[in-house]
Every structure is written in C-alpha cells, then in structure tokens.
C-alpha cells in the first residue's frame, strides 16, 4: 500500500469546504429536495440490485453528507439506519430531513464524526450492512485504516458495500476523456483551489481549498481484503452520474456514457465484501 502524502491541515481544510457547501447542496436542483420528499428514494438501480433486500436489516452509511442515501435505505425497509459525516452542518441537515420524513432517532440516527473514528462514534457495535461511496474515498489518505474501521463495524455474516467513481476517470484529460493526462499511481495529494460546487460551479464561496487523494482500484480491493473481508464481487460500469467529460451523453436512464462510436471504459465500480459468520 502506497504512503499517501498531503498537508497536515487536510482535515480542517476539507471540513471547512464541506460545511460551507451544505446549504448550497440542500437548496440545489442537483439534489432536488422537493422531489426527494416525494419519492424518498435516490438509490441507483444497480446499487439496489447489488445490495439486495434490506428489509429488517441495520445499515451504517459512512460519509453520508446530508443523508439522502441513508434515508433512502430506511424507505426501502432497513430496520435502522445510521449516517456518519464529519460535517456538523451536514449532520444537522440530515437530522432535520429525517424528522420531516417522520423518522425518529431510533430508526434513523446521524452522527458527526471523522470516518476513522466511526467505531467509537456510532451508537451500535456492528451493522448488517456498511455502505459508502459516490465520491468518498478520494477524501481519505489512509485506505487501510478506513477499511479496517469499516470491517470492524460489519456484523459477522453481514457485508460491506461500496459504489464509487472509477479511478481511471481521474487520469484522463478533462475535455475528451481519450488521452492519459495524469499519473494513475500518484501518491501526492491534489491540493487545489476551486470556488463553487459541483451543484453550482458559479456559486460564490469562501472556503475554496480542497485536499484529495487518488486511489487505484488495486489499493481499494487490497485494503478491503486485508481488513479480513471476503470480496464477493467487483463490478465495473460504463456509466457515471454526471458529465465527467464533455463528450459524455446523458441516456434515457439518466446515466452519462461515451457516444456509441467511442470505445467504452469503466466510469464507476461497485464492490461487495462479506464478513465471515
């Protein structure tokens, strides 16, 4: 496992950025809170198929932001969901949304804590399902510690599930997605300044610095397996959730893919790993 390098203030920098963007996100068309209040479900179809029926099962969502996915699993029948995020404003927004939808803390609880401290912060010792993904691992310098923490929170016989953007997308040029422009095995952090947010690139913002890391697919799988979980599958998907490259086209199913005349590459992946009973 590569040593990930980065500035010592990475956690404070990223927390300030996410704290500021919570109100932007909850008010955005991207997250469309009004529609969510009606459907109560934003889980992607491939996730629903791969995770399976959650009825009567407990679920922990690591790096949950303001809880839409977490609460979607409750709507799908999970007996108890717990969301964890390091942003206090995000957790407060999640608690307000849960209350609005009629979920008390016994059914949907949210905890403000660093993901590496999850084992000490969440209310239960273990969960049937530990779920995470969609722009999560890029904020973490230590995948071994992350995987060990997640594995420790899976009940014996339960499983860990991750859906994430494929690291191959991070090495291609931003415009066409056809040329290798960045190092796949980069170990230094991406320490950058970028105003706005993915929900509104033109939004006026103050905390614009972010620190992120690039993790290869091999690193993720090795970290999960090394934590004592048995990898059941790794699926690679030819679609993504946003227009990562200018040439991507949105299909009728809402996913973005390369045009038919372009060779396909993986843009997302999903992984399921079980804990021995």
Protein backbone atom coordinates (compact mmCIF):
# COMPACT_ATOMS: atom_id res chain seq x y z
CA UNK A 1 0.00 0.00 0.00
CA UNK A 2 1.43 3.35 -1.02
CA UNK A 3 2.09 6.03 1.55
CA UNK A 4 -0.26 8.91 0.86
CA UNK A 5 1.33 12.31 1.21
CA UNK A 6 -0.50 15.52 1.98
CA UNK A 7 -0.66 18.65 4.13
CA UNK A 8 -1.25 18.26 7.86
CA UNK A 9 -4.31 20.53 7.78
CA UNK A 10 -6.16 18.41 5.19
CA UNK A 11 -9.00 17.50 7.54
CA UNK A 12 -9.71 21.07 8.68
CA UNK A 13 -9.45 22.37 5.10
CA UNK A 14 -11.90 19.82 3.73
CA UNK A 15 -14.32 20.17 6.63
CA UNK A 16 -14.50 23.96 6.13
CA UNK A 17 -15.20 23.43 2.43
CA UNK A 18 -17.97 20.89 3.05
CA UNK A 19 -19.52 22.87 5.91
CA UNK A 20 -19.90 25.89 3.64
CA UNK A 21 -21.44 23.89 0.81
CA UNK A 22 -24.16 22.11 2.79
CA UNK A 23 -26.73 24.91 2.33
CA UNK A 24 -25.79 25.17 -1.36
CA UNK A 25 -26.42 21.46 -1.81
CA UNK A 26 -29.66 21.23 0.14
CA UNK A 27 -31.09 24.11 -1.94
CA UNK A 28 -29.79 22.83 -5.29
CA UNK A 29 -31.59 21.32 -8.26
CA UNK A 30 -28.89 18.64 -8.25
CA UNK A 31 -30.17 17.13 -5.00
CA UNK A 32 -33.77 18.32 -5.57
CA UNK A 33 -35.01 18.06 -2.01
CA UNK A 34 -38.60 18.71 -3.07
CA UNK A 35 -38.58 15.63 -5.29
CA UNK A 36 -36.83 13.59 -2.60
CA UNK A 37 -39.53 14.43 -0.10
CA UNK A 38 -42.00 12.87 -2.53
CA UNK A 39 -40.07 9.78 -3.67
CA UNK A 40 -37.90 9.33 -0.53
CA UNK A 41 -35.52 7.27 -2.66
CA UNK A 42 -32.40 8.19 -4.65
CA UNK A 43 -30.65 4.80 -4.66
CA UNK A 44 -29.29 3.94 -8.09
CA UNK A 45 -30.78 0.86 -9.76
CA UNK A 46 -27.51 -1.08 -9.84
CA UNK A 47 -26.95 -0.40 -6.14
CA UNK A 48 -30.42 -1.64 -5.26
CA UNK A 49 -29.82 -4.83 -7.24
CA UNK A 50 -26.38 -5.47 -5.77
CA UNK A 51 -27.22 -4.66 -2.15
CA UNK A 52 -30.48 -6.56 -2.35
CA UNK A 53 -33.41 -6.51 0.02
CA UNK A 54 -32.60 -4.53 3.17
CA UNK A 55 -35.90 -5.21 4.92
CA UNK A 56 -35.36 -5.70 8.64
CA UNK A 57 -31.60 -5.12 8.43
CA UNK A 58 -29.46 -2.47 10.09
CA UNK A 59 -27.34 -0.24 7.87
CA UNK A 60 -24.49 2.18 8.56
CA UNK A 61 -23.69 4.81 5.92
CA UNK A 62 -20.17 6.23 6.21
CA UNK A 63 -19.53 9.74 4.80
CA UNK A 64 -23.26 10.27 4.38
CA UNK A 65 -23.32 14.04 3.63
CA UNK A 66 -26.85 15.26 4.49
CA UNK A 67 -28.49 11.87 4.43
CA UNK A 68 -30.49 11.38 1.25
CA UNK A 69 -28.99 7.98 0.50
CA UNK A 70 -29.12 6.98 4.17
CA UNK A 71 -32.82 7.79 4.42
CA UNK A 72 -33.49 6.07 1.09
CA UNK A 73 -32.38 2.78 2.66
CA UNK A 74 -34.78 3.39 5.53
CA UNK A 75 -37.55 3.95 2.98
CA UNK A 76 -36.55 0.66 1.35
CA UNK A 77 -37.17 -1.17 4.62
CA UNK A 78 -33.98 -1.10 6.68
CA UNK A 79 -34.93 -1.51 10.32
CA UNK A 80 -32.36 1.05 11.47
CA UNK A 81 -30.05 3.36 9.54
CA UNK A 82 -27.16 5.39 10.93
CA UNK A 83 -25.38 8.05 8.91
CA UNK A 84 -21.96 9.42 9.81
CA UNK A 85 -20.26 12.50 8.40
CA UNK A 86 -17.52 14.84 9.63
CA UNK A 87 -19.55 17.96 8.77
CA UNK A 88 -21.74 19.20 11.62
CA UNK A 89 -23.98 21.26 9.30
CA UNK A 90 -24.49 18.20 7.08
CA UNK A 91 -25.48 16.06 10.06
CA UNK A 92 -27.86 18.74 11.33
CA UNK A 93 -29.47 18.94 7.88
CA UNK A 94 -29.78 15.14 7.83
CA UNK A 95 -31.46 15.10 11.24
CA UNK A 96 -33.92 17.78 10.15
CA UNK A 97 -34.74 15.86 6.97
CA UNK A 98 -35.23 12.63 8.90
CA UNK A 99 -37.59 14.33 11.34
CA UNK A 100 -39.52 15.90 8.48
CA UNK A 101 -39.98 12.45 6.92
CA UNK A 102 -41.19 11.03 10.23
CA UNK A 103 -38.10 9.04 11.27
CA UNK A 104 -37.10 9.24 14.92
CA UNK A 105 -33.53 8.65 16.13
CA UNK A 106 -34.34 5.00 16.84
CA UNK A 107 -34.99 4.45 13.12
CA UNK A 108 -32.62 6.99 11.53
CA UNK A 109 -29.75 8.44 13.55
CA UNK A 110 -26.98 10.74 12.36
CA UNK A 111 -23.57 11.21 13.96
CA UNK A 112 -20.98 13.95 13.39
CA UNK A 113 -17.54 12.33 13.50
CA UNK A 114 -14.48 11.60 11.41
CA UNK A 115 -14.83 8.37 9.45
CA UNK A 116 -11.65 7.00 11.07
CA UNK A 117 -13.36 7.43 14.47
CA UNK A 118 -16.59 5.73 13.41
CA UNK A 119 -16.19 2.67 15.65
CA UNK A 120 -16.18 4.90 18.73
CA UNK A 121 -18.80 7.35 17.47
CA UNK A 122 -21.72 5.28 16.16
CA UNK A 123 -24.41 4.02 18.54
CA UNK A 124 -24.18 0.30 17.74
CA UNK A 125 -21.27 -2.14 17.86
CA UNK A 126 -21.95 -3.57 14.40
CA UNK A 127 -24.37 -3.43 11.46
CA UNK A 128 -25.71 -5.92 8.94
CA UNK A 129 -24.63 -3.63 6.10
CA UNK A 130 -21.94 -0.95 6.00
CA UNK A 131 -22.48 1.22 2.92
CA UNK A 132 -20.40 4.01 1.40
CA UNK A 133 -19.36 5.56 -1.87
CA UNK A 134 -20.01 8.09 -4.61
CA UNK A 135 -17.12 10.48 -4.16
CA UNK A 136 -15.99 9.26 -0.74
CA UNK A 137 -12.61 7.52 -0.90
CA UNK A 138 -10.92 10.43 -2.71
CA UNK A 139 -11.15 12.44 0.54
CA UNK A 140 -9.19 9.83 2.52
CA UNK A 141 -5.40 9.49 2.73
CA UNK A 142 -5.37 6.15 4.56
CA UNK A 143 -7.34 3.36 2.92
CA UNK A 144 -6.02 0.67 5.25
CA UNK A 145 -7.37 2.50 8.32
CA UNK A 146 -10.63 3.22 6.51
CA UNK A 147 -11.15 -0.42 5.51
CA UNK A 148 -10.24 -1.73 8.96
CA UNK A 149 -12.73 0.68 10.55
CA UNK A 150 -15.49 -0.30 8.12
CA UNK A 151 -14.79 -4.02 8.58
CA UNK A 152 -14.90 -3.72 12.35
CA UNK A 153 -18.45 -2.37 12.08
CA UNK A 154 -19.83 -5.21 9.95
CA UNK A 155 -21.63 -7.84 11.98
CA UNK A 156 -20.49 -11.44 11.33
CA UNK A 157 -22.42 -12.67 8.31
CA UNK A 158 -23.02 -9.11 7.14
CA UNK A 159 -21.32 -7.21 4.34
CA UNK A 160 -19.59 -4.03 3.26
CA UNK A 161 -20.75 -2.35 0.04
CA UNK A 162 -19.00 0.41 -1.89
CA UNK A 163 -20.04 2.15 -5.11
CA UNK A 164 -17.59 4.70 -6.39
CA UNK A 165 -16.30 6.63 -9.36
CA UNK A 166 -13.65 4.66 -11.22
CA UNK A 167 -10.06 5.89 -10.75
CA UNK A 168 -9.42 5.56 -14.48
CA UNK A 169 -11.51 8.70 -14.95
CA UNK A 170 -9.02 10.67 -12.87
CA UNK A 171 -6.12 10.06 -15.24
CA UNK A 172 -7.80 11.09 -18.49
CA UNK A 173 -7.95 14.57 -19.96
CA UNK A 174 -10.97 16.51 -18.74
CA UNK A 175 -12.33 17.50 -22.15
CA UNK A 176 -12.37 14.36 -24.29
CA UNK A 177 -11.60 11.55 -21.85
CA UNK A 178 -9.47 9.98 -24.56
CA UNK A 179 -5.91 10.86 -23.54
CA UNK A 180 -3.91 9.83 -20.46
CA UNK A 181 -3.04 13.15 -18.82
CA UNK A 182 -2.33 12.25 -15.19
CA UNK A 183 -0.38 9.61 -13.25
CA UNK A 184 -2.58 6.67 -12.21
CA UNK A 185 -0.18 5.86 -9.36
CA UNK A 186 0.10 9.39 -8.00
CA UNK A 187 0.73 9.38 -4.23
CA UNK A 188 0.82 13.14 -3.61
CA UNK A 189 -2.41 14.84 -2.63
CA UNK A 190 -4.30 17.06 -5.02
CA UNK A 191 -4.17 20.33 -3.05
CA UNK A 192 -6.20 22.79 -5.08
CA UNK A 193 -8.38 25.91 -5.00
CA UNK A 194 -11.75 25.79 -6.73
CA UNK A 195 -14.71 28.09 -5.99
CA UNK A 196 -18.31 26.97 -6.27
CA UNK A 197 -19.51 23.40 -6.06
CA UNK A 198 -20.47 20.51 -8.32
CA UNK A 199 -24.07 21.59 -7.79
CA UNK A 200 -23.34 25.17 -8.92
CA UNK A 201 -19.91 25.98 -10.33
CA UNK A 202 -20.66 29.70 -10.24
CA UNK A 203 -21.79 29.90 -6.61
CA UNK A 204 -19.88 32.47 -4.52
CA UNK A 205 -17.87 30.62 -1.88
CA UNK A 206 -15.10 31.45 0.61
CA UNK A 207 -13.58 28.11 1.61
CA UNK A 208 -12.34 27.00 -1.79
CA UNK A 209 -9.32 24.87 -0.99
CA UNK A 210 -9.62 21.07 -1.08
CA UNK A 211 -7.22 18.19 -0.45
CA UNK A 212 -7.94 14.90 -2.20
CA UNK A 213 -6.15 11.65 -2.99
CA UNK A 214 -6.11 9.32 -5.96
CA UNK A 215 -6.52 5.62 -5.14
CA UNK A 216 -6.05 2.83 -7.65
CA UNK A 217 -8.57 0.03 -7.89
CA UNK A 218 -5.93 -2.37 -6.57
CA UNK A 219 -5.44 -0.25 -3.46
CA UNK A 220 -9.14 -0.28 -2.64
CA UNK A 221 -9.53 -4.03 -3.12
CA UNK A 222 -6.34 -4.83 -1.21
CA UNK A 223 -7.39 -2.62 1.71
CA UNK A 224 -10.81 -4.28 1.93
CA UNK A 225 -9.42 -7.81 1.65
CA UNK A 226 -6.63 -7.00 4.08
CA UNK A 227 -9.21 -5.95 6.66
CA UNK A 228 -10.49 -9.53 6.79
CA UNK A 229 -13.47 -9.21 4.45
CA UNK A 230 -14.10 -11.65 1.60
CA UNK A 231 -14.58 -9.84 -1.70
CA UNK A 232 -17.72 -11.28 -3.34
CA UNK A 233 -17.59 -9.17 -6.49
CA UNK A 234 -16.08 -6.16 -8.18
CA UNK A 235 -18.27 -4.76 -10.92
CA UNK A 236 -17.13 -2.08 -13.34
CA UNK A 237 -19.75 0.11 -15.01
CA UNK A 238 -19.59 2.01 -18.30
CA UNK A 239 -21.68 4.92 -17.00
CA UNK A 240 -21.42 7.72 -14.46
CA UNK A 241 -23.75 10.13 -12.67
CA UNK A 242 -22.55 13.42 -14.16
CA UNK A 243 -20.87 14.79 -17.28
CA UNK A 244 -17.32 13.93 -16.22
CA UNK A 245 -16.05 14.63 -19.76
CA UNK A 246 -17.52 16.99 -22.31
CA UNK A 247 -18.14 14.17 -24.78
CA UNK A 248 -20.34 12.12 -22.44
CA UNK A 249 -24.02 11.93 -23.34
CA UNK A 250 -26.95 11.51 -20.96
CA UNK A 251 -29.12 8.49 -21.71
CA UNK A 252 -32.81 7.94 -21.07
CA UNK A 253 -31.87 6.15 -17.85
CA UNK A 254 -30.20 9.32 -16.53
CA UNK A 255 -26.64 7.98 -16.69
CA UNK A 256 -23.82 9.54 -18.70
CA UNK A 257 -21.86 7.40 -21.17
CA UNK A 258 -19.46 7.81 -24.06
CA UNK A 259 -21.08 8.06 -27.51
CA UNK A 260 -21.67 4.80 -29.37
CA UNK A 261 -18.75 5.46 -31.72
CA UNK A 262 -16.29 5.61 -28.82
CA UNK A 263 -14.68 2.58 -27.10
CA UNK A 264 -16.15 2.06 -23.65
CA UNK A 265 -14.15 2.32 -20.43
CA UNK A 266 -15.23 1.90 -16.80
CA UNK A 267 -16.51 5.12 -15.24
CA UNK A 268 -17.81 3.66 -11.96
CA UNK A 269 -17.30 0.49 -9.96
CA UNK A 270 -19.03 -1.32 -7.12
CA UNK A 271 -17.72 -3.81 -4.60
CA UNK A 272 -19.30 -6.15 -2.07
CA UNK A 273 -17.32 -7.90 0.65
CA UNK A 274 -18.69 -10.16 3.39
CA UNK A 275 -17.55 -10.81 6.95
CA UNK A 276 -17.29 -14.48 7.92
CA UNK A 277 -20.13 -15.63 10.14
